[in-house]
């Protein structure tokens, strides 16, 4: 190999030379006070008018600081975060993750993508050490939807061009992912989507087999162990194992979306663990960020990953596998292992589910139709959608944040961090009981 020539270079001109000492640099300008009305106006003018309206309905609060299970607003209030769409399994700004990110910023936050980069390699090895046996190939991306896109493209590289998803499933809103997110509200404005796409009822083994018989070896099946945005819908026991067997029987490609359910959220490392399912592709996200830097991943078997492995430029992204994001992912996985986050989520989830059911008992069969969950993914289903919005407002008024479900308007969803203390759990259950009483008095 011929060595590259080495040339002498002149130093930067004085005007462009970096300051030699911190005191030589002017301090950055201070951020202006976060006034709610001003921020809402900026949202209207430069982001989304609808988002500004929603923020004002919730009191015009502006979040500025977070730690652990708490989010602080500019006016000095703090809110217990039992929402966060599944991202904050480690809470906000976990010290181990933030320290790793700080170190990486100071050293090498973005890579050239020319040389080998060690942080991505170590993060991939750490994640693969906890994935189901045989899922060893890690493809880092920037978001859950990108992980879905990578999985769908990998399936197509194997000739699996017919997409089978489930009614109520949620896999993202980019064009390919949206084709698998079987909700007309999000799909209709963007049709036509991917051809040969179909959705079967979640948990229905016979419907899945009928669709696989139709598509055969062209099929790519994508399914969640528990539908989060679908309203915390838990399939019948054995459904995932049946899906795996059916895909093998018909030669279909199986993608299991664990973007929300994985990394301890259900009380185990992965939702597939309870039924010993090994998909061709596992999608990972949300908690992989450690609650600090966005990062997600598509993890595949050697056989499934072969097209991407042979040609590393077949599917790429400028910022994917950045050292900064991978430092967060590595620290997050190590922290989950060290602190046994899946075990903590399992134990805390049982206590939370019991407490929520007790709080809902006076309204069961009327206002409240069902309370269900696994680990720290819990859904409360109401008789009418209005009750969900009313309860969210009542809880915000009592210093608690929760989420609705994008594909199930009558389900309020709880995704608290595994770092919640006994006192914080007690605060939540007290607030929930009071909020339910207030909503029941209005809605009935």
Protein backbone atom coordinates (compact mmCIF):
# COMPACT_ATOMS: atom_id res chain seq x y z
CA UNK A 1 0.00 0.00 0.00
CA UNK A 2 1.43 3.38 -0.99
CA UNK A 3 1.72 5.83 1.89
CA UNK A 4 -0.11 9.10 1.55
CA UNK A 5 2.21 12.09 1.08
CA UNK A 6 2.88 14.23 4.12
CA UNK A 7 3.02 17.98 3.58
CA UNK A 8 3.90 20.82 5.87
CA UNK A 9 1.02 23.15 6.62
CA UNK A 10 1.09 26.71 7.76
CA UNK A 11 -0.55 27.54 11.08
CA UNK A 12 -4.04 29.05 11.04
CA UNK A 13 -4.05 32.80 10.49
CA UNK A 14 -4.17 34.70 13.76
CA UNK A 15 -7.77 35.74 13.22
CA UNK A 16 -8.87 32.08 12.98
CA UNK A 17 -6.62 30.53 15.64
CA UNK A 18 -8.52 29.04 18.57
CA UNK A 19 -8.08 30.94 21.84
CA UNK A 20 -5.23 29.47 23.90
CA UNK A 21 -6.98 29.97 27.22
CA UNK A 22 -10.59 29.97 28.28
CA UNK A 23 -10.35 33.53 29.52
CA UNK A 24 -9.49 34.71 26.01
CA UNK A 25 -12.88 33.60 24.72
CA UNK A 26 -15.99 35.70 25.18
CA UNK A 27 -18.61 33.94 27.32
CA UNK A 28 -21.63 32.70 25.40
CA UNK A 29 -24.69 34.93 25.64
CA UNK A 30 -27.12 33.99 28.38
CA UNK A 31 -30.41 32.42 27.31
CA UNK A 32 -33.38 34.76 27.68
CA UNK A 33 -35.95 33.88 30.35
CA UNK A 34 -38.29 31.11 29.16
CA UNK A 35 -41.59 32.99 29.15
CA UNK A 36 -44.48 30.66 28.27
CA UNK A 37 -46.38 33.13 26.11
CA UNK A 38 -43.23 34.03 24.16
CA UNK A 39 -42.32 30.37 23.59
CA UNK A 40 -45.88 29.61 22.44
CA UNK A 41 -45.64 32.47 19.94
CA UNK A 42 -42.37 31.05 18.59
CA UNK A 43 -44.06 27.65 18.22
CA UNK A 44 -46.89 29.25 16.24
CA UNK A 45 -44.53 31.16 13.97
CA UNK A 46 -41.77 28.60 13.45
CA UNK A 47 -42.82 25.11 14.64
CA UNK A 48 -46.47 24.01 14.77
CA UNK A 49 -49.56 26.01 15.66
CA UNK A 50 -51.35 22.91 16.89
CA UNK A 51 -48.50 22.10 19.24
CA UNK A 52 -48.69 25.64 20.65
CA UNK A 53 -52.40 25.21 21.34
CA UNK A 54 -51.79 21.90 23.12
CA UNK A 55 -49.09 23.48 25.25
CA UNK A 56 -51.41 26.30 26.26
CA UNK A 57 -54.19 23.86 27.13
CA UNK A 58 -51.75 22.18 29.50
CA UNK A 59 -51.03 25.48 31.22
CA UNK A 60 -48.35 27.00 29.03
CA UNK A 61 -45.59 25.33 31.01
CA UNK A 62 -42.04 25.47 29.63
CA UNK A 63 -39.80 22.59 30.68
CA UNK A 64 -36.20 23.59 31.28
CA UNK A 65 -34.50 21.17 33.71
CA UNK A 66 -34.83 17.47 34.53
CA UNK A 67 -33.32 14.82 36.75
CA UNK A 68 -34.37 11.35 37.85
CA UNK A 69 -38.14 11.04 37.71
CA UNK A 70 -38.72 14.81 37.69
CA UNK A 71 -39.11 17.58 35.10
CA UNK A 72 -38.85 21.23 36.17
CA UNK A 73 -40.52 24.17 34.46
CA UNK A 74 -39.36 27.75 34.02
CA UNK A 75 -41.74 29.04 36.72
CA UNK A 76 -40.14 26.86 39.40
CA UNK A 77 -42.63 23.99 39.47
CA UNK A 78 -41.69 20.34 39.16
CA UNK A 79 -43.58 17.38 37.70
CA UNK A 80 -43.27 13.65 38.37
CA UNK A 81 -42.72 12.09 34.95
CA UNK A 82 -44.69 8.87 34.47
CA UNK A 83 -44.81 9.49 30.70
CA UNK A 84 -41.96 10.23 28.31
CA UNK A 85 -43.23 7.72 25.69
CA UNK A 86 -40.98 4.98 27.07
CA UNK A 87 -37.70 6.86 26.66
CA UNK A 88 -36.76 7.42 30.30
CA UNK A 89 -36.39 3.90 31.71
CA UNK A 90 -33.24 5.22 33.47
CA UNK A 91 -34.91 8.50 34.36
CA UNK A 92 -33.71 11.88 33.20
CA UNK A 93 -29.97 12.59 33.05
CA UNK A 94 -28.76 9.41 34.72
CA UNK A 95 -25.29 10.32 36.09
CA UNK A 96 -23.49 7.42 34.37
CA UNK A 97 -24.94 8.28 30.96
CA UNK A 98 -24.45 12.04 31.23
CA UNK A 99 -20.84 11.53 32.38
CA UNK A 100 -20.12 9.30 29.38
CA UNK A 101 -21.67 11.83 27.02
CA UNK A 102 -19.69 14.69 28.55
CA UNK A 103 -16.45 12.73 28.13
CA UNK A 104 -17.28 11.98 24.51
CA UNK A 105 -18.12 15.61 23.72
CA UNK A 106 -14.75 16.64 25.10
CA UNK A 107 -12.94 13.97 23.09
CA UNK A 108 -14.62 13.21 19.74
CA UNK A 109 -18.40 13.72 19.36
CA UNK A 110 -18.73 13.02 15.59
CA UNK A 111 -16.62 10.71 13.46
CA UNK A 112 -15.18 11.13 9.96
CA UNK A 113 -16.74 7.82 8.87
CA UNK A 114 -13.42 7.08 7.16
CA UNK A 115 -11.50 5.34 9.95
CA UNK A 116 -12.70 2.71 12.39
CA UNK A 117 -14.37 4.24 15.46
CA UNK A 118 -14.12 2.41 18.80
CA UNK A 119 -17.18 3.68 20.67
CA UNK A 120 -19.67 2.33 18.13
CA UNK A 121 -17.89 -1.04 18.14
CA UNK A 122 -18.01 -1.28 21.93
CA UNK A 123 -21.63 -0.16 22.08
CA UNK A 124 -22.60 -2.79 19.49
CA UNK A 125 -20.82 -5.52 21.44
CA UNK A 126 -22.48 -4.43 24.70
CA UNK A 127 -25.95 -4.46 23.12
CA UNK A 128 -25.40 -7.79 21.35
CA UNK A 129 -24.37 -9.35 24.66
CA UNK A 130 -27.99 -8.92 25.82
CA UNK A 131 -30.00 -9.61 22.67
CA UNK A 132 -31.56 -13.05 22.03
CA UNK A 133 -29.07 -15.72 20.96
CA UNK A 134 -27.91 -15.26 17.38
CA UNK A 135 -28.86 -11.59 17.06
CA UNK A 136 -25.33 -10.23 16.92
CA UNK A 137 -25.26 -7.74 14.05
CA UNK A 138 -26.00 -4.19 15.17
CA UNK A 139 -26.88 -1.36 12.80
CA UNK A 140 -27.13 1.94 14.69
CA UNK A 141 -29.52 4.67 13.54
CA UNK A 142 -30.87 7.91 14.98
CA UNK A 143 -34.51 7.08 15.77
CA UNK A 144 -37.00 4.26 16.09
CA UNK A 145 -38.60 5.03 12.74
CA UNK A 146 -35.17 4.79 11.09
CA UNK A 147 -34.67 1.41 12.74
CA UNK A 148 -37.96 0.29 11.20
CA UNK A 149 -36.90 1.58 7.79
CA UNK A 150 -33.59 -0.28 8.04
CA UNK A 151 -35.41 -3.48 8.95
CA UNK A 152 -37.87 -3.17 6.09
CA UNK A 153 -35.08 -2.46 3.61
CA UNK A 154 -33.10 -5.43 4.86
CA UNK A 155 -36.16 -7.64 4.36
CA UNK A 156 -36.52 -6.31 0.80
CA UNK A 157 -32.87 -7.11 0.13
CA UNK A 158 -33.92 -10.71 0.75
CA UNK A 159 -36.88 -10.43 -1.61
CA UNK A 160 -39.51 -9.97 1.12
CA UNK A 161 -41.58 -7.28 -0.57
CA UNK A 162 -45.01 -8.01 0.97
CA UNK A 163 -45.49 -6.32 4.35
CA UNK A 164 -47.70 -7.81 7.06
CA UNK A 165 -48.32 -5.70 10.18
CA UNK A 166 -50.99 -5.70 12.88
CA UNK A 167 -54.02 -3.51 13.44
CA UNK A 168 -53.17 -0.97 16.14
CA UNK A 169 -49.43 -1.47 15.72
CA UNK A 170 -47.13 1.52 15.71
CA UNK A 171 -43.73 1.51 14.00
CA UNK A 172 -43.08 5.16 13.11
CA UNK A 173 -44.25 7.76 10.61
CA UNK A 174 -41.59 7.82 7.90
CA UNK A 175 -42.98 6.45 4.64
CA UNK A 176 -41.95 2.82 4.98
CA UNK A 177 -42.63 2.69 8.72
CA UNK A 178 -45.98 4.40 8.15
CA UNK A 179 -46.95 1.58 5.79
CA UNK A 180 -46.70 -0.71 8.83
CA UNK A 181 -48.47 1.69 11.20
CA UNK A 182 -52.02 0.59 10.48
CA UNK A 183 -53.90 3.74 11.44
CA UNK A 184 -55.83 5.61 8.70
CA UNK A 185 -55.45 8.90 10.60
CA UNK A 186 -51.72 8.89 9.89
CA UNK A 187 -51.73 6.89 6.64
CA UNK A 188 -54.48 8.45 4.54
CA UNK A 189 -52.86 11.87 3.88
CA UNK A 190 -49.80 10.13 2.42
CA UNK A 191 -51.22 7.36 0.26
CA UNK A 192 -50.20 5.50 -1.80
CA UNK A 193 -47.83 3.83 0.65
CA UNK A 194 -45.76 0.67 0.08
CA UNK A 195 -47.60 -1.78 -2.17
CA UNK A 196 -48.56 -5.25 -0.96
CA UNK A 197 -49.06 -4.06 2.61
CA UNK A 198 -51.73 -5.58 4.81
CA UNK A 199 -52.66 -5.60 8.50
CA UNK A 200 -54.09 -8.49 10.52
CA UNK A 201 -55.72 -8.34 13.97
CA UNK A 202 -53.13 -8.33 16.76
CA UNK A 203 -53.03 -11.62 18.63
CA UNK A 204 -54.96 -13.52 15.95
CA UNK A 205 -52.86 -16.52 14.94
CA UNK A 206 -55.32 -17.74 12.28
CA UNK A 207 -55.48 -14.35 10.55
CA UNK A 208 -51.68 -14.20 10.45
CA UNK A 209 -51.47 -17.67 8.93
CA UNK A 210 -54.07 -16.80 6.29
CA UNK A 211 -52.02 -13.75 5.27
CA UNK A 212 -48.79 -15.74 5.18
CA UNK A 213 -50.45 -18.37 3.03
CA UNK A 214 -51.37 -15.58 0.62
CA UNK A 215 -47.93 -13.94 0.44
CA UNK A 216 -45.70 -16.95 1.11
CA UNK A 217 -41.95 -16.36 0.98
CA UNK A 218 -42.47 -12.76 -0.10
CA UNK A 219 -43.80 -11.85 3.35
CA UNK A 220 -42.13 -9.65 5.93
CA UNK A 221 -44.00 -9.71 9.26
CA UNK A 222 -43.53 -6.88 11.77
CA UNK A 223 -45.04 -7.16 15.25
CA UNK A 224 -44.66 -5.78 18.78
CA UNK A 225 -44.59 -8.05 21.87
CA UNK A 226 -47.04 -5.60 23.48
CA UNK A 227 -48.68 -2.80 21.53
CA UNK A 228 -47.70 0.39 23.33
CA UNK A 229 -49.30 3.06 21.18
CA UNK A 230 -52.06 0.56 20.47
CA UNK A 231 -53.22 0.96 24.06
CA UNK A 232 -50.95 -1.47 25.96
CA UNK A 233 -52.57 -4.44 24.22
CA UNK A 234 -51.11 -7.74 25.43
CA UNK A 235 -51.49 -10.72 23.06
CA UNK A 236 -52.63 -14.18 24.18
CA UNK A 237 -49.88 -16.40 25.65
CA UNK A 238 -47.98 -18.16 22.90
CA UNK A 239 -48.84 -15.65 20.17
CA UNK A 240 -45.25 -14.53 19.58
CA UNK A 241 -44.00 -18.10 19.54
CA UNK A 242 -46.74 -18.98 17.06
CA UNK A 243 -45.76 -16.01 14.88
CA UNK A 244 -42.16 -17.22 14.88
CA UNK A 245 -43.17 -20.76 13.91
CA UNK A 246 -45.51 -19.56 11.17
CA UNK A 247 -42.80 -17.35 9.67
CA UNK A 248 -40.44 -20.33 9.57
CA UNK A 249 -43.13 -22.55 8.04
CA UNK A 250 -43.96 -20.11 5.24
CA UNK A 251 -40.41 -18.78 4.78
CA UNK A 252 -41.36 -15.27 5.92
CA UNK A 253 -38.99 -12.66 7.38
CA UNK A 254 -39.81 -11.73 10.99
CA UNK A 255 -39.17 -8.29 12.51
CA UNK A 256 -39.99 -7.81 16.19
CA UNK A 257 -40.34 -4.15 17.13
CA UNK A 258 -39.01 -3.70 20.67
CA UNK A 259 -38.41 0.03 20.34
CA UNK A 260 -40.76 0.70 23.24
CA UNK A 261 -40.93 -2.69 24.95
CA UNK A 262 -37.25 -3.63 25.00
CA UNK A 263 -34.38 -2.90 27.38
CA UNK A 264 -36.27 -3.75 30.54
CA UNK A 265 -39.52 -1.90 30.00
CA UNK A 266 -41.61 -5.10 30.32
CA UNK A 267 -39.63 -6.46 33.25
CA UNK A 268 -37.27 -8.51 31.08
CA UNK A 269 -34.54 -7.46 28.68
CA UNK A 270 -36.88 -8.10 25.73
CA UNK A 271 -40.53 -8.86 25.29
CA UNK A 272 -39.64 -11.91 23.19
CA UNK A 273 -37.72 -13.45 26.10
CA UNK A 274 -40.82 -14.95 27.72
CA UNK A 275 -41.57 -17.05 24.63
CA UNK A 276 -37.98 -17.66 23.48
CA UNK A 277 -38.54 -16.15 20.05
CA UNK A 278 -35.58 -15.37 17.79
CA UNK A 279 -36.65 -13.03 14.99
CA UNK A 280 -34.59 -12.19 11.94
CA UNK A 281 -34.49 -8.57 13.10
CA UNK A 282 -35.01 -6.89 16.46
CA UNK A 283 -35.70 -3.14 16.56
CA UNK A 284 -34.29 -1.20 19.53
CA UNK A 285 -34.73 2.43 20.57
CA UNK A 286 -36.11 4.80 23.20
CA UNK A 287 -34.35 3.45 26.31
CA UNK A 288 -31.15 2.90 24.33
CA UNK A 289 -30.66 6.66 24.52
CA UNK A 290 -30.26 6.50 28.28
CA UNK A 291 -32.66 9.43 28.26
CA UNK A 292 -29.85 11.70 27.04
CA UNK A 293 -28.96 11.39 23.32
CA UNK A 294 -31.25 10.01 20.57
CA UNK A 295 -30.06 6.64 19.28
CA UNK A 296 -31.72 3.46 18.04
CA UNK A 297 -30.64 0.24 16.38
CA UNK A 298 -31.64 -2.60 14.11
CA UNK A 299 -30.16 -5.87 15.35
CA UNK A 300 -30.10 -8.88 13.02
CA UNK A 301 -28.87 -12.44 12.66
CA UNK A 302 -25.78 -13.09 10.54
CA UNK A 303 -27.90 -14.57 7.75
CA UNK A 304 -30.41 -11.73 7.73
CA UNK A 305 -27.73 -9.03 7.90
CA UNK A 306 -25.63 -10.46 5.05
CA UNK A 307 -26.65 -7.88 2.38
CA UNK A 308 -25.71 -4.96 4.65
CA UNK A 309 -22.57 -6.73 5.85
CA UNK A 310 -21.28 -7.32 2.32
CA UNK A 311 -21.81 -3.72 1.26
CA UNK A 312 -21.51 -1.27 4.19
CA UNK A 313 -22.65 1.57 1.91
CA UNK A 314 -25.93 -0.06 0.89
CA UNK A 315 -27.85 1.67 3.70
CA UNK A 316 -26.13 4.54 5.51
CA UNK A 317 -26.82 7.75 7.40
CA UNK A 318 -24.47 10.66 8.08
CA UNK A 319 -25.08 10.82 11.82
CA UNK A 320 -25.85 7.16 12.51
CA UNK A 321 -23.47 5.45 14.96
CA UNK A 322 -21.94 8.77 15.97
CA UNK A 323 -19.47 8.47 18.86
CA UNK A 324 -21.68 10.77 20.94
CA UNK A 325 -24.83 8.69 20.49
CA UNK A 326 -22.96 5.42 20.92
CA UNK A 327 -21.36 6.68 24.13
CA UNK A 328 -24.88 7.19 25.48
CA UNK A 329 -25.99 3.76 24.24
CA UNK A 330 -22.96 2.01 25.72
CA UNK A 331 -23.40 3.70 29.10
CA UNK A 332 -27.15 2.97 29.05
CA UNK A 333 -26.69 -0.76 28.43
CA UNK A 334 -23.93 -1.01 31.02
CA UNK A 335 -26.08 0.84 33.56
CA UNK A 336 -29.08 -1.41 32.89
CA UNK A 337 -26.90 -4.44 33.51
CA UNK A 338 -25.18 -3.03 36.59
CA UNK A 339 -28.42 -1.81 38.21
CA UNK A 340 -30.57 -4.75 37.05
CA UNK A 341 -33.08 -2.43 35.44
CA UNK A 342 -35.23 -5.28 34.05
CA UNK A 343 -35.56 -6.75 37.54
CA UNK A 344 -36.37 -3.38 39.05
CA UNK A 345 -38.95 -2.72 36.34
CA UNK A 346 -40.56 -6.09 36.98
CA UNK A 347 -40.86 -5.55 40.75
CA UNK A 348 -41.88 -1.90 40.53
CA UNK A 349 -44.33 -2.67 37.73
CA UNK A 350 -46.18 -5.25 39.82
CA UNK A 351 -46.58 -2.75 42.66
CA UNK A 352 -47.67 0.01 40.30
CA UNK A 353 -50.19 -2.20 38.50
CA UNK A 354 -51.67 -3.28 41.85
CA UNK A 355 -51.86 0.34 43.02
CA UNK A 356 -53.46 1.60 39.81
CA UNK A 357 -56.05 -1.17 39.87
CA UNK A 358 -56.87 -0.35 43.48
CA UNK A 359 -57.29 3.34 42.63
CA UNK A 360 -59.58 2.42 39.71
CA UNK A 361 -61.70 -0.11 41.62
CA UNK A 362 -64.52 2.35 42.50
CA UNK A 363 -64.95 3.14 38.78
CA UNK A 364 -64.43 -0.31 37.24
CA UNK A 365 -67.22 -1.31 34.91
CA UNK A 366 -68.29 2.29 34.49
CA UNK A 367 -65.75 5.02 33.81
CA UNK A 368 -62.82 2.56 33.81
CA UNK A 369 -63.08 -0.43 31.49
CA UNK A 370 -59.71 -2.10 32.10
CA UNK A 371 -56.28 -1.72 33.67
CA UNK A 372 -53.53 -3.86 32.13
CA UNK A 373 -49.79 -3.95 31.75
CA UNK A 374 -46.46 -5.70 31.94
CA UNK A 375 -43.52 -4.28 33.81
CA UNK A 376 -43.46 -0.51 33.54
CA UNK A 377 -45.84 -0.31 30.57
CA UNK A 378 -49.36 0.08 31.96
CA UNK A 379 -52.58 1.14 30.25
CA UNK A 380 -55.82 2.44 31.72
CA UNK A 381 -58.74 2.05 29.33
CA UNK A 382 -61.77 4.32 29.80
CA UNK A 383 -65.35 4.17 28.55
CA UNK A 384 -64.96 7.45 26.62
CA UNK A 385 -62.05 9.35 25.10
CA UNK A 386 -63.00 12.50 26.99
CA UNK A 387 -61.97 10.85 30.25
CA UNK A 388 -58.38 10.45 29.03
CA UNK A 389 -57.96 14.14 28.26
CA UNK A 390 -59.66 15.15 31.50
CA UNK A 391 -57.46 12.82 33.54
CA UNK A 392 -54.27 14.09 31.89
CA UNK A 393 -55.25 17.67 32.80
CA UNK A 394 -56.13 16.68 36.36
CA UNK A 395 -52.81 14.91 36.81
CA UNK A 396 -50.84 17.82 35.36
CA UNK A 397 -52.63 20.04 37.87
CA UNK A 398 -51.36 17.72 40.61
CA UNK A 399 -47.78 17.70 39.33
CA UNK A 400 -47.78 14.43 37.33
CA UNK A 401 -47.07 13.83 33.62
CA UNK A 402 -48.57 10.87 31.70
CA UNK A 403 -49.23 10.03 28.04
CA UNK A 404 -52.17 9.15 25.85
CA UNK A 405 -51.91 6.36 23.26
CA UNK A 406 -51.60 7.45 19.62
CA UNK A 407 -53.52 4.46 18.27
CA UNK A 408 -56.01 4.08 21.13
CA UNK A 409 -57.82 7.28 22.15
CA UNK A 410 -59.49 5.74 25.19
CA UNK A 411 -56.24 4.50 26.79
CA UNK A 412 -54.04 6.51 29.12
CA UNK A 413 -50.52 5.10 29.23
CA UNK A 414 -47.97 4.98 32.06
CA UNK A 415 -44.27 4.54 31.27
CA UNK A 416 -42.43 5.59 34.44
CA UNK A 417 -38.69 5.18 34.96
CA UNK A 418 -37.27 2.24 36.87
CA UNK A 419 -35.60 4.70 39.27
CA UNK A 420 -38.89 5.73 40.91
CA UNK A 421 -38.67 5.64 44.71
CA UNK A 422 -41.30 4.42 47.18
CA UNK A 423 -42.18 8.01 48.06
CA UNK A 424 -42.57 8.94 44.39
CA UNK A 425 -44.76 5.91 43.78
CA UNK A 426 -46.92 6.96 46.70
CA UNK A 427 -47.18 10.51 45.36
CA UNK A 428 -48.34 9.21 42.00
CA UNK A 429 -50.99 6.90 43.40
CA UNK A 430 -52.35 9.65 45.64
CA UNK A 431 -52.53 12.06 42.70
CA UNK A 432 -54.18 9.40 40.55
CA UNK A 433 -56.87 8.67 43.14
CA UNK A 434 -57.68 12.36 43.50
CA UNK A 435 -57.68 12.92 39.73
CA UNK A 436 -59.97 9.95 39.10
CA UNK A 437 -62.42 11.23 41.68
CA UNK A 438 -62.53 14.65 39.99
CA UNK A 439 -62.95 13.18 36.50
CA UNK A 440 -65.66 10.76 37.63
CA UNK A 441 -67.63 13.67 39.09
CA UNK A 442 -67.63 15.41 35.69
CA UNK A 443 -67.65 12.60 33.15
CA UNK A 444 -69.46 9.89 35.15
